[in-house]
Amino acid sequence: MKQYTQKTINDLLPFPEPQMNKYSRGKVVLIVGSASYPGAAALASIASQRAGAGYTEVFVDDSVVAQVQATHSSLVVRSWDMWDSSSLKPSTPEHPLAYVIGSGFDTNDPYVGNILRRLLKNAKAPVLIDGGALKLMPARKMRDMCKQRYQEGYPTIVTPHGGEAKVLASVFALPVDDQEELALTLSQAYGAITVLKGPDTYISDGDHVYSMTEGTSALAKAGTGDVLAGIIGAFLAQGLGPIEACVLGTTLHARAGRLAAEELTSISVCAEDVLRFIPPAIKDMSGGRVS
């Protein structure tokens, strides 16, 4: 197992250069939420802003566009039917880009599977798959597209909790008792980077496993996984390598949760509180640096 030191993690924080604009700072496109779970879209999207993305664009079910927009005026919120998978721009060094899909998806909606397939097929950029979209990944077509992306050099990140990991593992009959080994074998099976969430989080690229052991029970609340997806998506959009983005993202998420618990107790912390403590966690990790 590989470890990052506290210093090497803190040094990954992507403070913007003076000449950067909102596009060169990185764009996150989130295809998230549903009529049943609109809050997931808001949590993931705002988290991406707090983690440094220069431009956050959110595609949600038409019925909740206004509701998500009202949570943060600076979000660009559109309905799913406005998302055109046939003309997706690639991520470039000048205009880095990343996608987050699945947080708050209702898998009973047949449309979400179509969205995921189109994204995996057409995106020339990192794609993070979370929440309800993970339940669709064991399908043969999804797995094949994920492996094709790997062969073409486009990273795919899956962020399951324990139950979702069992669903991903079931199609391959992978053993699920050893979390470290499970993260490794899931990455090998899907051609993806795995962030296996839990009290200790394991991150694997299929060759190595990295552990994040700063988790807190304060994060065992609905919505905190949506916050994590947005954080990692933001770091991917800012040009960090996929492993670096996952290691930094999970660490920042844990630190924000701990800071929230120090003020509010682990009983009372909610996902919205984790959002609020992202900025002080960044400041703490950077040694007080603000720019």
C-alpha atoms as a PDB file:
ATOM      1  CA  MET A   1       0.000   0.000   0.000  1.00  0.00           C
ATOM      2  CA  LYS A   2       1.254   3.475  -0.868  1.00  0.00           C
ATOM      3  CA  GLN A   3       0.927   6.502   1.376  1.00  0.00           C
ATOM      4  CA  TYR A   4       1.031  10.227   0.733  1.00  0.00           C
ATOM      5  CA  THR A   5       2.549  12.401   3.457  1.00  0.00           C
ATOM      6  CA  GLN A   6       0.617  15.318   4.871  1.00  0.00           C
ATOM      7  CA  LYS A   7       2.995  17.721   3.127  1.00  0.00           C
ATOM      8  CA  THR A   8       2.708  16.093  -0.294  1.00  0.00           C
ATOM      9  CA  ILE A   9      -1.080  16.153  -0.019  1.00  0.00           C
ATOM     10  CA  ASN A  10      -1.188  19.784   1.076  1.00  0.00           C
ATOM     11  CA  ASP A  11       1.166  20.752  -1.752  1.00  0.00           C
ATOM     12  CA  LEU A  12      -1.384  19.447  -4.267  1.00  0.00           C
ATOM     13  CA  LEU A  13      -3.826  22.268  -3.489  1.00  0.00           C
ATOM     14  CA  PRO A  14      -4.313  24.046  -6.850  1.00  0.00           C
ATOM     15  CA  PHE A  15      -4.094  27.732  -5.970  1.00  0.00           C
ATOM     16  CA  PRO A  16      -4.838  29.721  -9.151  1.00  0.00           C
ATOM     17  CA  GLU A  17      -2.168  31.702 -10.973  1.00  0.00           C
ATOM     18  CA  PRO A  18      -2.762  35.479 -11.243  1.00  0.00           C
ATOM     19  CA  GLN A  19      -3.367  35.385 -15.007  1.00  0.00           C
ATOM     20  CA  MET A  20      -6.026  32.667 -14.915  1.00  0.00           C
ATOM     21  CA  ASN A  21      -9.674  33.169 -15.866  1.00  0.00           C
ATOM     22  CA  LYS A  22     -12.769  31.158 -14.997  1.00  0.00           C
ATOM     23  CA  TYR A  23     -12.248  28.783 -17.927  1.00  0.00           C
ATOM     24  CA  SER A  24      -8.531  28.170 -17.466  1.00  0.00           C
ATOM     25  CA  ARG A  25      -9.221  27.467 -13.791  1.00  0.00           C
ATOM     26  CA  GLY A  26     -11.270  24.456 -14.876  1.00  0.00           C
ATOM     27  CA  LYS A  27     -14.852  23.679 -15.794  1.00  0.00           C
ATOM     28  CA  VAL A  28     -16.918  21.004 -14.084  1.00  0.00           C
ATOM     29  CA  VAL A  29     -19.991  19.666 -15.843  1.00  0.00           C
ATOM     30  CA  LEU A  30     -22.288  17.792 -13.476  1.00  0.00           C
ATOM     31  CA  ILE A  31     -25.121  15.576 -14.700  1.00  0.00           C
ATOM     32  CA  VAL A  32     -26.749  14.861 -11.393  1.00  0.00           C
ATOM     33  CA  GLY A  33     -29.840  14.862  -9.220  1.00  0.00           C
ATOM     34  CA  SER A  34     -33.402  13.871 -10.023  1.00  0.00           C
ATOM     35  CA  ALA A  35     -36.939  14.829  -9.138  1.00  0.00           C
ATOM     36  CA  SER A  36     -36.553  12.557  -6.099  1.00  0.00           C
ATOM     37  CA  TYR A  37     -33.108  13.817  -5.031  1.00  0.00           C
ATOM     38  CA  PRO A  38     -32.592  17.432  -6.119  1.00  0.00           C
ATOM     39  CA  GLY A  39     -30.441  18.154  -3.075  1.00  0.00           C
ATOM     40  CA  ALA A  40     -27.675  15.889  -4.357  1.00  0.00           C
ATOM     41  CA  ALA A  41     -27.259  18.127  -7.395  1.00  0.00           C
ATOM     42  CA  ALA A  42     -26.937  21.225  -5.235  1.00  0.00           C
ATOM     43  CA  LEU A  43     -24.466  19.632  -2.811  1.00  0.00           C
ATOM     44  CA  ALA A  44     -22.145  18.258  -5.497  1.00  0.00           C
ATOM     45  CA  SER A  45     -22.250  21.453  -7.541  1.00  0.00           C
ATOM     46  CA  ILE A  46     -21.563  23.853  -4.691  1.00  0.00           C
ATOM     47  CA  ALA A  47     -18.771  21.571  -3.455  1.00  0.00           C
ATOM     48  CA  SER A  48     -17.088  21.843  -6.852  1.00  0.00           C
ATOM     49  CA  GLN A  49     -17.147  25.633  -6.546  1.00  0.00           C
ATOM     50  CA  ARG A  50     -15.748  25.577  -3.017  1.00  0.00           C
ATOM     51  CA  ALA A  51     -12.954  23.257  -4.168  1.00  0.00           C
ATOM     52  CA  GLY A  52     -11.825  25.739  -6.800  1.00  0.00           C
ATOM     53  CA  ALA A  53     -13.544  25.034 -10.110  1.00  0.00           C
ATOM     54  CA  GLY A  54     -13.738  28.199 -12.176  1.00  0.00           C
ATOM     55  CA  TYR A  55     -17.015  27.338 -13.883  1.00  0.00           C
ATOM     56  CA  THR A  56     -19.665  24.902 -12.725  1.00  0.00           C
ATOM     57  CA  GLU A  57     -22.405  23.830 -15.117  1.00  0.00           C
ATOM     58  CA  VAL A  58     -25.173  21.566 -13.853  1.00  0.00           C
ATOM     59  CA  PHE A  59     -27.654  19.485 -15.838  1.00  0.00           C
ATOM     60  CA  VAL A  60     -30.662  18.269 -13.869  1.00  0.00           C
ATOM     61  CA  ASP A  61     -34.180  16.973 -14.361  1.00  0.00           C
ATOM     62  CA  ASP A  62     -36.327  19.740 -15.812  1.00  0.00           C
ATOM     63  CA  SER A  63     -38.643  19.681 -12.804  1.00  0.00           C
ATOM     64  CA  VAL A  64     -35.900  20.829 -10.392  1.00  0.00           C
ATOM     65  CA  VAL A  65     -33.928  23.374 -12.457  1.00  0.00           C
ATOM     66  CA  ALA A  66     -35.334  26.341 -10.536  1.00  0.00           C
ATOM     67  CA  GLN A  67     -34.893  24.604  -7.188  1.00  0.00           C
ATOM     68  CA  VAL A  68     -31.207  23.851  -7.801  1.00  0.00           C
ATOM     69  CA  GLN A  69     -30.558  27.305  -9.254  1.00  0.00           C
ATOM     70  CA  ALA A  70     -31.972  28.894  -6.112  1.00  0.00           C
ATOM     71  CA  THR A  71     -29.357  27.199  -3.910  1.00  0.00           C
ATOM     72  CA  HIS A  72     -26.442  29.177  -5.432  1.00  0.00           C
ATOM     73  CA  SER A  73     -26.861  32.026  -7.881  1.00  0.00           C
ATOM     74  CA  SER A  74     -23.435  31.472  -9.480  1.00  0.00           C
ATOM     75  CA  LEU A  75     -24.309  27.963 -10.684  1.00  0.00           C
ATOM     76  CA  VAL A  76     -25.193  27.560 -14.356  1.00  0.00           C
ATOM     77  CA  VAL A  77     -28.171  25.193 -14.225  1.00  0.00           C
ATOM     78  CA  ARG A  78     -29.781  23.601 -17.269  1.00  0.00           C
ATOM     79  CA  SER A  79     -32.201  20.744 -17.900  1.00  0.00           C
ATOM     80  CA  TRP A  80     -31.027  17.328 -19.061  1.00  0.00           C
ATOM     81  CA  ASP A  81     -32.575  17.766 -22.495  1.00  0.00           C
ATOM     82  CA  MET A  82     -30.199  20.683 -23.156  1.00  0.00           C
ATOM     83  CA  TRP A  83     -27.146  18.448 -22.805  1.00  0.00           C
ATOM     84  CA  ASP A  84     -25.777  17.544 -26.246  1.00  0.00           C
ATOM     85  CA  SER A  85     -23.433  14.558 -26.084  1.00  0.00           C
ATOM     86  CA  SER A  86     -22.609  14.794 -29.790  1.00  0.00           C
ATOM     87  CA  SER A  87     -20.654  18.041 -29.460  1.00  0.00           C
ATOM     88  CA  LEU A  88     -18.692  17.664 -26.236  1.00  0.00           C
ATOM     89  CA  LYS A  89     -15.487  19.682 -26.071  1.00  0.00           C
ATOM     90  CA  PRO A  90     -12.327  17.825 -25.010  1.00  0.00           C
ATOM     91  CA  SER A  91     -10.347  18.741 -21.940  1.00  0.00           C
ATOM     92  CA  THR A  92      -7.209  20.689 -22.877  1.00  0.00           C
ATOM     93  CA  PRO A  93      -4.386  22.252 -20.823  1.00  0.00           C
ATOM     94  CA  GLU A  94      -5.772  25.702 -21.689  1.00  0.00           C
ATOM     95  CA  HIS A  95      -9.372  24.785 -20.877  1.00  0.00           C
ATOM     96  CA  PRO A  96      -9.384  21.799 -18.504  1.00  0.00           C
ATOM     97  CA  LEU A  97     -12.675  20.016 -18.045  1.00  0.00           C
ATOM     98  CA  ALA A  98     -14.135  17.164 -16.020  1.00  0.00           C
ATOM     99  CA  TYR A  99     -17.531  15.492 -15.675  1.00  0.00           C
ATOM    100  CA  VAL A 100     -19.399  14.254 -12.615  1.00  0.00           C
ATOM    101  CA  ILE A 101     -22.408  12.012 -13.182  1.00  0.00           C
ATOM    102  CA  GLY A 102     -24.842  10.084 -11.033  1.00  0.00           C
ATOM    103  CA  SER A 103     -25.076  11.818  -7.661  1.00  0.00           C
ATOM    104  CA  GLY A 104     -28.761  11.682  -6.762  1.00  0.00           C
ATOM    105  CA  PHE A 105     -29.780   9.694  -9.854  1.00  0.00           C
ATOM    106  CA  ASP A 106     -33.045   7.785  -9.670  1.00  0.00           C
ATOM    107  CA  THR A 107     -32.222   4.502 -11.405  1.00  0.00           C
ATOM    108  CA  ASN A 108     -35.918   3.859 -12.001  1.00  0.00           C
ATOM    109  CA  ASP A 109     -35.738   6.597 -14.629  1.00  0.00           C
ATOM    110  CA  PRO A 110     -34.730   4.875 -17.907  1.00  0.00           C
ATOM    111  CA  TYR A 111     -33.310   8.129 -19.259  1.00  0.00           C
ATOM    112  CA  VAL A 112     -30.340   8.134 -16.871  1.00  0.00           C
ATOM    113  CA  GLY A 113     -28.829   5.000 -18.408  1.00  0.00           C
ATOM    114  CA  ASN A 114     -28.927   6.640 -21.809  1.00  0.00           C
ATOM    115  CA  ILE A 115     -27.154   9.719 -20.440  1.00  0.00           C
ATOM    116  CA  LEU A 116     -24.400   7.619 -18.863  1.00  0.00           C
ATOM    117  CA  ARG A 117     -23.815   5.629 -22.053  1.00  0.00           C
ATOM    118  CA  ARG A 118     -23.558   8.779 -24.148  1.00  0.00           C
ATOM    119  CA  LEU A 119     -21.147  10.386 -21.720  1.00  0.00           C
ATOM    120  CA  LEU A 120     -18.823   7.382 -21.513  1.00  0.00           C
ATOM    121  CA  LYS A 121     -18.833   7.085 -25.289  1.00  0.00           C
ATOM    122  CA  ASN A 122     -18.202  10.731 -26.151  1.00  0.00           C
ATOM    123  CA  ALA A 123     -16.365  12.466 -23.303  1.00  0.00           C
ATOM    124  CA  LYS A 124     -12.703  13.206 -24.008  1.00  0.00           C
ATOM    125  CA  ALA A 125     -12.111  14.204 -20.417  1.00  0.00           C
ATOM    126  CA  PRO A 126     -12.089  12.688 -16.925  1.00  0.00           C
ATOM    127  CA  VAL A 127     -15.456  11.277 -15.839  1.00  0.00           C
ATOM    128  CA  LEU A 128     -16.382  10.632 -12.206  1.00  0.00           C
ATOM    129  CA  ILE A 129     -19.258   8.183 -11.689  1.00  0.00           C
ATOM    130  CA  ASP A 130     -21.129   8.370  -8.405  1.00  0.00           C
ATOM    131  CA  GLY A 131     -24.398   7.444  -6.732  1.00  0.00           C
ATOM    132  CA  GLY A 132     -27.172   5.951  -8.829  1.00  0.00           C
ATOM    133  CA  ALA A 133     -25.003   5.776 -11.944  1.00  0.00           C
ATOM    134  CA  LEU A 134     -22.802   3.185 -10.223  1.00  0.00           C
ATOM    135  CA  LYS A 135     -25.697   0.725 -10.217  1.00  0.00           C
ATOM    136  CA  LEU A 136     -25.684   0.843 -14.024  1.00  0.00           C
ATOM    137  CA  MET A 137     -21.986   0.059 -14.414  1.00  0.00           C
ATOM    138  CA  PRO A 138     -22.127  -3.775 -14.163  1.00  0.00           C
ATOM    139  CA  ALA A 139     -23.924  -3.876 -17.531  1.00  0.00           C
ATOM    140  CA  ARG A 140     -21.609  -5.271 -20.207  1.00  0.00           C
ATOM    141  CA  LYS A 141     -21.903  -2.225 -22.457  1.00  0.00           C
ATOM    142  CA  MET A 142     -20.971   0.158 -19.647  1.00  0.00           C
ATOM    143  CA  ARG A 143     -17.971  -1.951 -18.662  1.00  0.00           C
ATOM    144  CA  ASP A 144     -16.763  -2.140 -22.245  1.00  0.00           C
ATOM    145  CA  MET A 145     -16.989   1.625 -22.701  1.00  0.00           C
ATOM    146  CA  CYS A 146     -15.135   2.180 -19.444  1.00  0.00           C
ATOM    147  CA  LYS A 147     -12.315  -0.088 -20.596  1.00  0.00           C
ATOM    148  CA  GLN A 148     -12.255   1.641 -23.983  1.00  0.00           C
ATOM    149  CA  ARG A 149     -11.799   4.976 -22.236  1.00  0.00           C
ATOM    150  CA  TYR A 150      -8.900   3.484 -20.290  1.00  0.00           C
ATOM    151  CA  GLN A 151      -7.247   2.306 -23.498  1.00  0.00           C
ATOM    152  CA  GLU A 152      -7.670   5.776 -25.009  1.00  0.00           C
ATOM    153  CA  GLY A 153      -6.125   7.452 -21.957  1.00  0.00           C
ATOM    154  CA  TYR A 154      -9.251   9.082 -20.508  1.00  0.00           C
ATOM    155  CA  PRO A 155      -9.604   8.433 -16.764  1.00  0.00           C
ATOM    156  CA  THR A 156     -12.835   7.162 -15.269  1.00  0.00           C
ATOM    157  CA  ILE A 157     -13.311   7.339 -11.511  1.00  0.00           C
ATOM    158  CA  VAL A 158     -15.898   5.320  -9.587  1.00  0.00           C
ATOM    159  CA  THR A 159     -16.749   6.333  -6.014  1.00  0.00           C
ATOM    160  CA  PRO A 160     -18.741   3.533  -4.359  1.00  0.00           C
ATOM    161  CA  HIS A 161     -19.549   3.066  -0.717  1.00  0.00           C
ATOM    162  CA  GLY A 162     -19.528  -0.505   0.572  1.00  0.00           C
ATOM    163  CA  GLY A 163     -22.974  -1.455  -0.712  1.00  0.00           C
ATOM    164  CA  GLU A 164     -22.360   0.005  -4.160  1.00  0.00           C
ATOM    165  CA  ALA A 165     -18.989  -1.740  -4.298  1.00  0.00           C
ATOM    166  CA  LYS A 166     -20.714  -5.087  -3.760  1.00  0.00           C
ATOM    167  CA  VAL A 167     -22.959  -4.368  -6.752  1.00  0.00           C
ATOM    168  CA  LEU A 168     -19.922  -3.534  -8.891  1.00  0.00           C
ATOM    169  CA  ALA A 169     -18.134  -6.678  -7.695  1.00  0.00           C
ATOM    170  CA  SER A 170     -21.076  -9.045  -8.137  1.00  0.00           C
ATOM    171  CA  VAL A 171     -20.802  -9.391 -11.910  1.00  0.00           C
ATOM    172  CA  PHE A 172     -17.218 -10.632 -11.512  1.00  0.00           C
ATOM    173  CA  ALA A 173     -17.858 -12.624  -8.309  1.00  0.00           C
ATOM    174  CA  LEU A 174     -15.058 -10.666  -6.623  1.00  0.00           C
ATOM    175  CA  PRO A 175     -14.438 -11.238  -2.895  1.00  0.00           C
ATOM    176  CA  VAL A 176     -15.623  -8.235  -0.899  1.00  0.00           C
ATOM    177  CA  ASP A 177     -14.332  -8.824   2.640  1.00  0.00           C
ATOM    178  CA  ASP A 178     -10.934  -7.106   2.219  1.00  0.00           C
ATOM    179  CA  GLN A 179     -11.590  -3.462   1.330  1.00  0.00           C
ATOM    180  CA  GLU A 180      -8.059  -2.758   0.174  1.00  0.00           C
ATOM    181  CA  GLU A 181      -8.069  -5.768  -2.144  1.00  0.00           C
ATOM    182  CA  LEU A 182     -11.572  -4.918  -3.349  1.00  0.00           C
ATOM    183  CA  ALA A 183     -10.519  -1.424  -4.414  1.00  0.00           C
ATOM    184  CA  LEU A 184      -7.641  -2.928  -6.380  1.00  0.00           C
ATOM    185  CA  THR A 185      -9.669  -5.638  -8.107  1.00  0.00           C
ATOM    186  CA  LEU A 186     -12.548  -3.303  -8.986  1.00  0.00           C
ATOM    187  CA  SER A 187     -10.095  -0.986 -10.704  1.00  0.00           C
ATOM    188  CA  GLN A 188      -8.615  -3.876 -12.638  1.00  0.00           C
ATOM    189  CA  ALA A 189     -12.036  -5.217 -13.614  1.00  0.00           C
ATOM    190  CA  TYR A 190     -13.467  -1.907 -14.834  1.00  0.00           C
ATOM    191  CA  GLY A 191     -10.380  -0.108 -16.088  1.00  0.00           C
ATOM    192  CA  ALA A 192     -11.212   2.697 -13.675  1.00  0.00           C
ATOM    193  CA  ILE A 193      -9.828   4.390 -10.607  1.00  0.00           C
ATOM    194  CA  THR A 194     -11.764   3.279  -7.543  1.00  0.00           C
ATOM    195  CA  VAL A 195     -12.448   5.413  -4.491  1.00  0.00           C
ATOM    196  CA  LEU A 196     -13.895   2.893  -2.039  1.00  0.00           C
ATOM    197  CA  LYS A 197     -15.480   5.023   0.667  1.00  0.00           C
ATOM    198  CA  GLY A 198     -15.690   4.037   4.314  1.00  0.00           C
ATOM    199  CA  PRO A 199     -14.209   4.802   7.748  1.00  0.00           C
ATOM    200  CA  ASP A 200     -10.919   4.224   5.934  1.00  0.00           C
ATOM    201  CA  THR A 201     -11.058   5.052   2.243  1.00  0.00           C
ATOM    202  CA  TYR A 202      -9.047   3.104  -0.322  1.00  0.00           C
ATOM    203  CA  ILE A 203      -8.056   4.528  -3.695  1.00  0.00           C
ATOM    204  CA  SER A 204      -6.676   2.314  -6.450  1.00  0.00           C
ATOM    205  CA  ASP A 205      -5.605   2.635 -10.065  1.00  0.00           C
ATOM    206  CA  GLY A 206      -5.372  -1.130 -10.512  1.00  0.00           C
ATOM    207  CA  ASP A 207      -1.641  -1.199  -9.792  1.00  0.00           C
ATOM    208  CA  HIS A 208      -1.391   0.445  -6.389  1.00  0.00           C
ATOM    209  CA  VAL A 209      -3.667   1.169  -3.454  1.00  0.00           C
ATOM    210  CA  TYR A 210      -3.598   4.396  -1.460  1.00  0.00           C
ATOM    211  CA  SER A 211      -5.300   4.764   1.906  1.00  0.00           C
ATOM    212  CA  MET A 212      -6.979   7.770   3.506  1.00  0.00           C
ATOM    213  CA  THR A 213      -7.429   7.113   7.204  1.00  0.00           C
ATOM    214  CA  GLU A 214      -8.650  10.511   8.412  1.00  0.00           C
ATOM    215  CA  GLY A 215     -12.348   9.709   8.097  1.00  0.00           C
ATOM    216  CA  THR A 216     -14.814  10.607  10.823  1.00  0.00           C
ATOM    217  CA  SER A 217     -18.217   9.267  11.781  1.00  0.00           C
ATOM    218  CA  ALA A 218     -19.509  12.817  11.325  1.00  0.00           C
ATOM    219  CA  LEU A 219     -19.462  12.083   7.588  1.00  0.00           C
ATOM    220  CA  ALA A 220     -21.830   9.126   7.957  1.00  0.00           C
ATOM    221  CA  LYS A 221     -24.780  11.239   6.832  1.00  0.00           C
ATOM    222  CA  ALA A 222     -26.814  11.424   3.640  1.00  0.00           C
ATOM    223  CA  GLY A 223     -25.377  13.842   1.106  1.00  0.00           C
ATOM    224  CA  THR A 224     -21.746  13.814   2.184  1.00  0.00           C
ATOM    225  CA  GLY A 225     -20.863  11.510  -0.713  1.00  0.00           C
ATOM    226  CA  ASP A 226     -22.348  14.060  -3.115  1.00  0.00           C
ATOM    227  CA  VAL A 227     -20.054  16.680  -1.593  1.00  0.00           C
ATOM    228  CA  LEU A 228     -17.055  14.392  -2.123  1.00  0.00           C
ATOM    229  CA  ALA A 229     -17.970  13.819  -5.772  1.00  0.00           C
ATOM    230  CA  GLY A 230     -18.048  17.560  -6.363  1.00  0.00           C
ATOM    231  CA  ILE A 231     -14.715  18.110  -4.629  1.00  0.00           C
ATOM    232  CA  ILE A 232     -12.906  15.428  -6.622  1.00  0.00           C
ATOM    233  CA  GLY A 233     -14.569  16.629  -9.820  1.00  0.00           C
ATOM    234  CA  ALA A 234     -13.244  20.132  -9.165  1.00  0.00           C
ATOM    235  CA  PHE A 235      -9.699  18.894  -8.694  1.00  0.00           C
ATOM    236  CA  LEU A 236      -9.912  16.825 -11.881  1.00  0.00           C
ATOM    237  CA  ALA A 237     -11.120  19.932 -13.705  1.00  0.00           C
ATOM    238  CA  GLN A 238      -8.181  21.922 -12.366  1.00  0.00           C
ATOM    239  CA  GLY A 239      -5.732  19.573 -14.020  1.00  0.00           C
ATOM    240  CA  LEU A 240      -4.677  17.289 -11.198  1.00  0.00           C
ATOM    241  CA  GLY A 241      -3.945  13.713 -12.146  1.00  0.00           C
ATOM    242  CA  PRO A 242      -6.762  11.333 -11.235  1.00  0.00           C
ATOM    243  CA  ILE A 243      -4.996   9.706  -8.296  1.00  0.00           C
ATOM    244  CA  GLU A 244      -3.847  13.089  -6.994  1.00  0.00           C
ATOM    245  CA  ALA A 245      -7.378  14.479  -7.332  1.00  0.00           C
ATOM    246  CA  CYS A 246      -8.821  11.525  -5.419  1.00  0.00           C
ATOM    247  CA  VAL A 247      -6.207  11.597  -2.650  1.00  0.00           C
ATOM    248  CA  LEU A 248      -6.503  15.360  -2.193  1.00  0.00           C
ATOM    249  CA  GLY A 249     -10.287  15.277  -2.510  1.00  0.00           C
ATOM    250  CA  THR A 250     -10.855  12.562   0.076  1.00  0.00           C
ATOM    251  CA  THR A 251      -8.427  14.233   2.477  1.00  0.00           C
ATOM    252  CA  LEU A 252     -10.033  17.670   2.139  1.00  0.00           C
ATOM    253  CA  HIS A 253     -13.475  16.102   2.572  1.00  0.00           C
ATOM    254  CA  ALA A 254     -12.354  14.371   5.773  1.00  0.00           C
ATOM    255  CA  ARG A 255     -10.697  17.511   7.125  1.00  0.00           C
ATOM    256  CA  ALA A 256     -13.832  19.566   6.445  1.00  0.00           C
ATOM    257  CA  GLY A 257     -15.884  16.922   8.246  1.00  0.00           C
ATOM    258  CA  ARG A 258     -13.572  16.998  11.242  1.00  0.00           C
ATOM    259  CA  LEU A 259     -13.616  20.790  11.462  1.00  0.00           C
ATOM    260  CA  ALA A 260     -17.405  20.741  11.253  1.00  0.00           C
ATOM    261  CA  ALA A 261     -17.570  18.152  14.041  1.00  0.00           C
ATOM    262  CA  GLU A 262     -15.283  20.214  16.269  1.00  0.00           C
ATOM    263  CA  GLU A 263     -17.785  23.062  16.152  1.00  0.00           C
ATOM    264  CA  LEU A 264     -21.067  21.177  15.825  1.00  0.00           C
ATOM    265  CA  THR A 265     -20.293  17.668  17.211  1.00  0.00           C
ATOM    266  CA  SER A 266     -20.327  14.504  15.144  1.00  0.00           C
ATOM    267  CA  ILE A 267     -23.991  14.058  16.098  1.00  0.00           C
ATOM    268  CA  SER A 268     -25.158  17.238  14.412  1.00  0.00           C
ATOM    269  CA  VAL A 269     -22.970  17.599  11.319  1.00  0.00           C
ATOM    270  CA  CYS A 270     -24.917  17.492   8.037  1.00  0.00           C
ATOM    271  CA  ALA A 271     -23.695  17.555   4.449  1.00  0.00           C
ATOM    272  CA  GLU A 272     -24.375  21.298   4.247  1.00  0.00           C
ATOM    273  CA  ASP A 273     -21.981  21.798   7.170  1.00  0.00           C
ATOM    274  CA  VAL A 274     -19.244  19.910   5.346  1.00  0.00           C
ATOM    275  CA  LEU A 275     -19.699  22.341   2.450  1.00  0.00           C
ATOM    276  CA  ARG A 276     -19.327  25.277   4.826  1.00  0.00           C
ATOM    277  CA  PHE A 277     -16.085  23.940   6.236  1.00  0.00           C
ATOM    278  CA  ILE A 278     -14.346  23.281   2.913  1.00  0.00           C
ATOM    279  CA  PRO A 279     -12.796  26.797   2.821  1.00  0.00           C
ATOM    280  CA  PRO A 280     -11.390  26.692   6.382  1.00  0.00           C
ATOM    281  CA  ALA A 281     -10.102  23.167   5.735  1.00  0.00           C
ATOM    282  CA  ILE A 282      -8.260  24.418   2.639  1.00  0.00           C
ATOM    283  CA  LYS A 283      -6.826  27.313   4.623  1.00  0.00           C
ATOM    284  CA  ASP A 284      -5.739  24.960   7.386  1.00  0.00           C
ATOM    285  CA  MET A 285      -4.115  22.516   4.952  1.00  0.00           C
ATOM    286  CA  SER A 286      -2.252  25.328   3.178  1.00  0.00           C
ATOM    287  CA  GLY A 287      -0.801  26.745   6.377  1.00  0.00           C
ATOM    288  CA  GLY A 288      -2.908  29.875   6.166  1.00  0.00           C
ATOM    289  CA  ARG A 289      -2.234  30.639   2.510  1.00  0.00           C
ATOM    290  CA  VAL A 290      -5.087  32.497   0.821  1.00  0.00           C
ATOM    291  CA  SER A 291      -3.808  32.965  -2.739  1.00  0.00           C
END
